[in-house]
Amino acid sequence: MASRLMALWQWVDARMPSLAQEYRKHLTEYYAPKNFNFWYYFGSLAMLVLVIQIVSGIFLTMNYKPDAALAFGSVEFIMRDVPGGWIIRYVTRPGFDVLSRSLPAHVPRAALRLVPPATRAAVDLRRADLSLPDGRGVLRLPAALGTDVVLGAQVIVNLFDSIPFIGPDVALWLRGDYVVSDATLNRFFAFHVIAIPLALLGLVVVHLLALHDVGSNNPDGIEIKKKKDASGKPLDGIPFHPYYTVKDIVGVVVFLAVFCLVMFFVPNMGGYFLEANNFIPADALKTPAHIAPLWYFTPYYSMLRSVPPLFLSQFPGVLVMGMAVLILFFLPWLDRSP
């Protein structure tokens, strides 16, 4: 089997040598610090869950109908009549909650491990995790949250409606109608399954490419490129593959064990993953008695409520919500600690 796999690899390499070059550049010949700790698991876990979300989402879209009259029935059809439909839905819903935990754990880890101030001015312009010109790593957080927030059509439309001068026109364009209707559902469905996930995937790819160009930081701040052997390999680094791929597999196995326990035994997590309102058909004439944001939107909801309106407009609260994410772009310049 090993000889056959090697023959297959040589066949591919002969016809597509750039693939082997990228494999060596980003895995076997990419040297990373030796002292990565537990917090570095969350980057690979976030990417794994993103792949799970995309694959399971593709199967869900095959049976879901983005129609005001048929949407709820199509979800029931997926759960009861589609072979394996229930497990695909239960993979998708808790999966996003896991992604919403992994990214907030991954971004602050990168923020706390910035490069030394002496090299910051030159490096931050190219850094993959936090930089003002591109900020690819930081952008993944609002992109991921945006994938889910578009499901709350009226809420997201009202946020844009609060923007001075252009708000009402933007809200009308988003809805596609003067009220939330089939046009709104179709537009938001397109954002949810195509536009934002594609943008998120592109950001992840660019993030990884840029990260491997600059190199990973580490808890002790050791610059592994300072000391190299005769062949130019960092003495304080180890190849990403097989060392960190094996280490990440350990984290993936533990994660999948916990994920399967949730998926098979407590997929609703007492209403935290799938709220009670998801089991009630939508009624345009009746507002649910208890409305609360999903747990990962709670901080932003608190900001929105705590900032008083200005001239009957909630735009100040919306502005504070946006700045809560945008401030991450400025951390390399705000942090002056040696």
Protein backbone atom coordinates (compact mmCIF):
# COMPACT_ATOMS: atom_id res chain seq x y z
CA MET A 1 0.00 0.00 0.00
CA ALA A 2 2.83 2.39 0.86
CA SER A 3 4.54 1.79 -2.48
CA ARG A 4 1.26 2.36 -4.33
CA LEU A 5 0.62 5.61 -2.49
CA MET A 6 4.17 6.74 -3.25
CA ALA A 7 3.70 5.86 -6.93
CA LEU A 8 0.44 7.87 -6.94
CA TRP A 9 2.21 10.83 -5.33
CA GLN A 10 5.02 10.68 -7.89
CA TRP A 11 2.43 10.55 -10.68
CA VAL A 12 0.72 13.68 -9.31
CA ASP A 13 4.07 15.40 -8.69
CA ALA A 14 5.19 14.78 -12.27
CA ARG A 15 2.04 16.44 -13.62
CA MET A 16 1.55 19.11 -10.97
CA PRO A 17 4.91 19.93 -9.34
CA SER A 18 3.55 23.12 -7.77
CA LEU A 19 1.33 20.97 -5.51
CA ALA A 20 4.39 19.24 -4.04
CA GLN A 21 6.12 22.59 -3.61
CA GLU A 22 3.16 24.00 -1.68
CA TYR A 23 3.00 20.83 0.42
CA ARG A 24 6.63 21.25 1.40
CA LYS A 25 6.34 25.00 1.94
CA HIS A 26 3.31 24.83 4.22
CA LEU A 27 3.80 21.47 5.96
CA THR A 28 7.06 19.51 5.89
CA GLU A 29 9.40 22.47 5.44
CA TYR A 30 7.43 25.04 7.40
CA TYR A 31 9.21 25.43 10.74
CA ALA A 32 7.19 26.45 13.76
CA PRO A 33 8.30 27.17 17.36
CA LYS A 34 8.68 24.17 19.64
CA ASN A 35 6.62 25.59 22.48
CA PHE A 36 3.07 25.86 21.13
CA ASN A 37 0.65 25.28 24.00
CA PHE A 38 -2.99 24.32 24.49
CA TRP A 39 -4.36 27.60 23.09
CA TYR A 40 -2.95 26.85 19.65
CA TYR A 41 -5.48 24.04 19.24
CA PHE A 42 -8.29 26.51 18.59
CA GLY A 43 -6.97 27.63 15.21
CA SER A 44 -7.06 24.14 13.73
CA LEU A 45 -10.36 23.37 15.48
CA ALA A 46 -11.95 26.51 14.03
CA MET A 47 -10.86 25.43 10.53
CA LEU A 48 -12.16 21.88 11.09
CA VAL A 49 -15.55 23.12 12.27
CA LEU A 50 -15.74 25.52 9.32
CA VAL A 51 -15.27 22.59 6.93
CA ILE A 52 -17.91 20.59 8.85
CA GLN A 53 -20.32 23.53 8.60
CA ILE A 54 -19.82 23.91 4.87
CA VAL A 55 -20.19 20.20 4.08
CA SER A 56 -23.26 19.70 6.28
CA GLY A 57 -24.74 22.97 5.02
CA ILE A 58 -24.50 21.75 1.41
CA PHE A 59 -26.61 18.70 2.28
CA LEU A 60 -29.15 20.81 4.18
CA THR A 61 -29.62 23.21 1.26
CA MET A 62 -30.56 20.25 -0.95
CA ASN A 63 -33.84 19.90 0.97
CA TYR A 64 -34.45 23.35 2.48
CA LYS A 65 -36.93 25.72 0.84
CA PRO A 66 -36.26 29.45 1.44
CA ASP A 67 -39.94 30.29 1.18
CA ALA A 68 -42.05 32.04 3.83
CA ALA A 69 -44.83 29.44 3.52
CA LEU A 70 -42.66 26.35 3.08
CA ALA A 71 -39.49 26.97 5.11
CA PHE A 72 -40.74 25.55 8.41
CA GLY A 73 -42.24 22.50 6.69
CA SER A 74 -39.00 21.83 4.84
CA VAL A 75 -37.09 21.78 8.13
CA GLU A 76 -39.59 19.27 9.51
CA PHE A 77 -39.17 17.27 6.31
CA ILE A 78 -35.40 17.24 6.82
CA MET A 79 -35.79 16.09 10.42
CA ARG A 80 -38.40 13.37 9.82
CA ASP A 81 -38.31 12.14 6.23
CA VAL A 82 -34.86 12.78 4.73
CA PRO A 83 -32.59 9.77 5.44
CA GLY A 84 -29.99 11.01 7.92
CA GLY A 85 -31.42 14.53 7.78
CA TRP A 86 -31.77 14.82 11.54
CA ILE A 87 -28.09 14.09 12.15
CA ILE A 88 -26.98 16.58 9.47
CA ARG A 89 -29.04 19.31 11.13
CA TYR A 90 -27.70 18.39 14.55
CA VAL A 91 -24.16 18.53 13.16
CA THR A 92 -24.73 22.02 11.75
CA ARG A 93 -26.43 23.75 14.66
CA PRO A 94 -24.05 22.82 17.53
CA GLY A 95 -21.18 23.13 15.03
CA PHE A 96 -21.66 26.86 14.72
CA ASP A 97 -21.71 27.26 18.49
CA VAL A 98 -18.35 25.47 18.60
CA LEU A 99 -17.03 27.76 15.86
CA SER A 100 -18.27 30.75 17.84
CA ARG A 101 -16.21 29.54 20.81
CA SER A 102 -13.08 28.65 18.83
CA LEU A 103 -12.67 31.99 17.05
CA PRO A 104 -12.96 34.17 20.19
CA ALA A 105 -10.39 31.86 21.82
CA HIS A 106 -8.09 32.04 18.78
CA VAL A 107 -8.12 35.80 18.12
CA PRO A 108 -7.16 36.95 21.67
CA ARG A 109 -4.40 34.33 21.74
CA ALA A 110 -2.92 35.95 18.66
CA ALA A 111 -3.45 39.41 20.12
CA LEU A 112 -1.54 38.56 23.30
CA ARG A 113 1.37 37.05 21.36
CA LEU A 114 2.32 40.00 19.20
CA VAL A 115 5.86 40.32 17.87
CA PRO A 116 8.31 42.51 19.85
CA PRO A 117 7.78 46.30 19.42
CA ALA A 118 11.14 46.76 17.69
CA THR A 119 10.03 44.69 14.72
CA ARG A 120 6.34 45.60 14.85
CA ALA A 121 6.47 48.53 12.43
CA ALA A 122 7.90 46.39 9.65
CA VAL A 123 6.14 43.13 10.41
CA ASP A 124 2.63 44.31 11.26
CA LEU A 125 2.06 45.48 7.70
CA ARG A 126 2.39 41.85 6.64
CA ARG A 127 1.11 40.02 9.70
CA ALA A 128 -1.77 37.62 9.20
CA ASP A 129 -3.45 37.88 12.60
CA LEU A 130 -3.66 41.59 13.44
CA SER A 131 -2.86 44.42 11.06
CA LEU A 132 -4.56 47.67 10.17
CA PRO A 133 -4.15 47.45 6.37
CA ASP A 134 -5.65 43.98 5.97
CA GLY A 135 -6.56 42.39 9.31
CA ARG A 136 -7.40 39.08 7.69
CA GLY A 137 -7.46 37.16 10.95
CA VAL A 138 -9.67 39.69 12.71
CA LEU A 139 -12.04 39.86 9.74
CA ARG A 140 -12.85 36.19 10.17
CA LEU A 141 -14.65 36.91 13.46
CA PRO A 142 -17.29 39.33 12.06
CA ALA A 143 -17.55 37.22 8.90
CA ALA A 144 -18.33 34.11 10.94
CA LEU A 145 -20.82 35.96 13.15
CA GLY A 146 -22.32 37.54 10.04
CA THR A 147 -23.04 34.10 8.63
CA ASP A 148 -25.42 33.48 11.51
CA VAL A 149 -26.74 36.99 12.15
CA VAL A 150 -28.33 37.16 8.67
CA LEU A 151 -30.81 34.55 9.93
CA GLY A 152 -32.37 37.29 12.06
CA ALA A 153 -33.73 39.25 9.11
CA GLN A 154 -35.66 41.98 10.92
CA VAL A 155 -32.90 42.57 13.47
CA ILE A 156 -30.11 42.98 10.93
CA VAL A 157 -32.29 45.20 8.72
CA ASN A 158 -33.05 47.46 11.68
CA LEU A 159 -29.33 47.83 12.41
CA PHE A 160 -28.71 49.15 8.90
CA ASP A 161 -31.87 51.24 9.06
CA SER A 162 -30.37 53.23 11.96
CA ILE A 163 -27.49 54.58 9.81
CA PRO A 164 -28.04 58.33 9.23
CA PHE A 165 -29.15 59.50 5.77
CA ILE A 166 -28.53 56.26 3.83
CA GLY A 167 -29.98 53.82 6.37
CA PRO A 168 -33.56 53.56 5.05
CA ASP A 169 -32.37 53.03 1.47
CA VAL A 170 -29.87 50.35 2.54
CA ALA A 171 -32.57 48.61 4.60
CA LEU A 172 -34.97 48.67 1.65
CA TRP A 173 -32.30 47.20 -0.62
CA LEU A 174 -31.55 44.43 1.90
CA ARG A 175 -35.22 43.51 2.35
CA GLY A 176 -36.05 43.71 -1.34
CA ASP A 177 -39.46 44.90 -0.18
CA TYR A 178 -41.02 47.35 2.25
CA VAL A 179 -41.62 44.53 4.73
CA VAL A 180 -39.85 41.24 5.46
CA SER A 181 -41.09 38.89 2.75
CA ASP A 182 -40.05 36.06 0.43
CA ALA A 183 -37.61 38.40 -1.30
CA THR A 184 -35.93 39.08 2.05
CA LEU A 185 -35.73 35.39 2.91
CA ASN A 186 -34.17 34.55 -0.45
CA ARG A 187 -31.61 37.34 -0.21
CA PHE A 188 -30.58 36.46 3.31
CA PHE A 189 -30.43 32.79 2.41
CA ALA A 190 -28.04 33.66 -0.43
CA PHE A 191 -25.88 35.68 1.99
CA HIS A 192 -25.95 32.86 4.52
CA VAL A 193 -25.01 29.95 2.25
CA ILE A 194 -22.95 31.57 -0.51
CA ALA A 195 -21.68 35.12 -0.11
CA ILE A 196 -20.41 35.22 3.47
CA PRO A 197 -19.08 31.61 3.58
CA LEU A 198 -17.11 32.24 0.37
CA ALA A 199 -15.66 35.42 1.87
CA LEU A 200 -14.84 33.52 5.06
CA LEU A 201 -13.10 30.75 3.13
CA GLY A 202 -11.07 33.29 1.19
CA LEU A 203 -10.02 35.01 4.42
CA VAL A 204 -8.94 31.70 5.93
CA VAL A 205 -6.80 30.82 2.89
CA VAL A 206 -5.17 34.26 2.78
CA HIS A 207 -4.67 34.15 6.55
CA LEU A 208 -2.80 30.83 6.37
CA LEU A 209 -0.68 31.90 3.39
CA ALA A 210 0.29 35.19 5.03
CA LEU A 211 0.94 33.51 8.38
CA HIS A 212 3.36 31.06 6.77
CA ASP A 213 5.13 33.89 4.97
CA VAL A 214 5.79 35.76 8.23
CA GLY A 215 5.98 32.81 10.62
CA SER A 216 4.15 31.91 13.82
CA ASN A 217 4.74 33.63 17.14
CA ASN A 218 4.96 31.71 20.41
CA PRO A 219 4.28 32.07 24.16
CA ASP A 220 7.91 32.89 25.08
CA GLY A 221 8.51 35.35 22.24
CA ILE A 222 11.42 33.35 20.84
CA GLU A 223 12.41 34.38 17.31
CA ILE A 224 13.20 31.01 15.76
CA LYS A 225 14.75 32.53 12.63
CA LYS A 226 17.69 34.00 14.55
CA LYS A 227 19.56 30.73 15.04
CA LYS A 228 19.88 28.40 12.07
CA ASP A 229 22.02 25.38 11.25
CA ALA A 230 24.28 24.98 8.23
CA SER A 231 21.35 24.03 5.99
CA GLY A 232 19.34 27.10 7.04
CA LYS A 233 16.85 25.29 9.28
CA PRO A 234 15.86 27.08 12.51
CA LEU A 235 17.43 25.42 15.57
CA ASP A 236 14.54 26.52 17.81
CA GLY A 237 11.87 25.25 15.44
CA ILE A 238 10.42 21.95 14.29
CA PRO A 239 8.61 21.03 11.04
CA PHE A 240 4.89 21.58 11.21
CA HIS A 241 4.40 18.11 9.74
CA PRO A 242 4.49 15.59 11.32
CA TYR A 243 4.91 17.16 14.76
CA TYR A 244 2.06 19.64 14.91
CA THR A 245 -0.24 17.74 12.57
CA VAL A 246 -0.08 14.81 14.99
CA LYS A 247 -0.58 17.14 17.95
CA ASP A 248 -3.60 18.73 16.25
CA ILE A 249 -5.04 15.28 15.55
CA VAL A 250 -5.02 14.61 19.30
CA GLY A 251 -7.02 17.80 19.84
CA VAL A 252 -9.37 16.88 16.99
CA VAL A 253 -10.05 13.41 18.46
CA VAL A 254 -10.89 14.89 21.88
CA PHE A 255 -13.06 17.55 20.26
CA LEU A 256 -14.94 15.02 18.10
CA ALA A 257 -15.60 12.82 21.13
CA VAL A 258 -17.22 15.73 22.99
CA PHE A 259 -18.96 16.91 19.82
CA CYS A 260 -20.52 13.47 19.26
CA LEU A 261 -21.73 13.35 22.86
CA VAL A 262 -23.49 16.67 22.33
CA MET A 263 -24.81 15.74 18.89
CA PHE A 264 -26.31 12.38 19.91
CA PHE A 265 -27.44 13.05 23.48
CA VAL A 266 -28.06 16.79 24.02
CA PRO A 267 -28.24 18.43 20.57
CA ASN A 268 -30.49 21.24 21.83
CA MET A 269 -28.36 21.80 24.94
CA GLY A 270 -31.41 22.75 26.97
CA GLY A 271 -32.39 25.47 24.50
CA TYR A 272 -28.96 27.09 24.14
CA PHE A 273 -28.16 25.52 20.75
CA LEU A 274 -31.69 25.17 19.36
CA GLU A 275 -34.05 27.59 21.07
CA ALA A 276 -37.71 26.76 21.66
CA ASN A 277 -38.81 29.30 19.03
CA ASN A 278 -37.17 27.14 16.34
CA PHE A 279 -39.93 24.59 16.87
CA ILE A 280 -42.75 27.10 16.32
CA PRO A 281 -43.82 28.25 12.83
CA ALA A 282 -43.14 31.95 12.24
CA ASP A 283 -46.16 34.21 12.55
CA ALA A 284 -45.93 37.73 11.11
CA LEU A 285 -48.83 38.83 13.34
CA LYS A 286 -47.43 37.53 16.61
CA THR A 287 -44.12 38.30 18.32
CA PRO A 288 -42.71 35.54 20.57
CA ALA A 289 -43.14 36.33 24.25
CA HIS A 290 -39.45 35.87 25.08
CA ILE A 291 -36.81 37.04 22.64
CA ALA A 292 -33.15 36.83 23.55
CA PRO A 293 -30.02 36.94 21.38
CA LEU A 294 -27.92 33.84 20.89
CA TRP A 295 -25.23 33.61 23.56
CA TYR A 296 -22.40 34.75 21.26
CA PHE A 297 -24.35 37.91 20.38
CA THR A 298 -25.06 38.79 24.02
CA PRO A 299 -22.07 41.18 24.43
CA TYR A 300 -23.10 43.13 21.32
CA TYR A 301 -26.73 43.15 22.41
CA SER A 302 -25.65 44.54 25.79
CA MET A 303 -23.70 47.32 24.06
CA LEU A 304 -26.71 48.18 21.92
CA ARG A 305 -28.97 48.40 24.96
CA SER A 306 -26.54 50.31 27.20
CA VAL A 307 -25.87 53.14 24.73
CA PRO A 308 -28.77 55.65 24.74
CA PRO A 309 -30.34 56.60 21.41
CA LEU A 310 -29.53 59.93 19.77
CA PHE A 311 -32.45 61.79 18.18
CA LEU A 312 -34.54 58.60 18.40
CA SER A 313 -31.84 56.70 16.47
CA GLN A 314 -30.05 53.61 17.74
CA PHE A 315 -27.03 54.36 15.54
CA PRO A 316 -24.71 55.22 18.51
CA GLY A 317 -25.25 51.72 19.90
CA VAL A 318 -24.68 50.19 16.48
CA LEU A 319 -21.46 52.23 16.17
CA VAL A 320 -20.22 50.96 19.53
CA MET A 321 -20.97 47.38 18.45
CA GLY A 322 -18.89 47.86 15.33
CA MET A 323 -16.01 49.48 17.20
CA ALA A 324 -15.90 46.50 19.58
CA VAL A 325 -14.59 44.47 16.63
CA LEU A 326 -12.68 47.22 14.79
CA ILE A 327 -10.56 48.04 17.84
CA LEU A 328 -8.81 44.70 17.38
CA PHE A 329 -7.25 46.10 14.19
CA PHE A 330 -5.45 48.77 16.21
CA LEU A 331 -3.95 46.54 18.91
CA PRO A 332 -0.45 46.38 17.36
CA TRP A 333 -0.24 50.16 17.65
CA LEU A 334 -2.13 50.62 20.93
CA ASP A 335 0.05 48.10 22.79
CA ARG A 336 3.40 49.74 23.64
CA SER A 337 4.52 47.27 26.30
CA PRO A 338 8.10 45.98 25.89
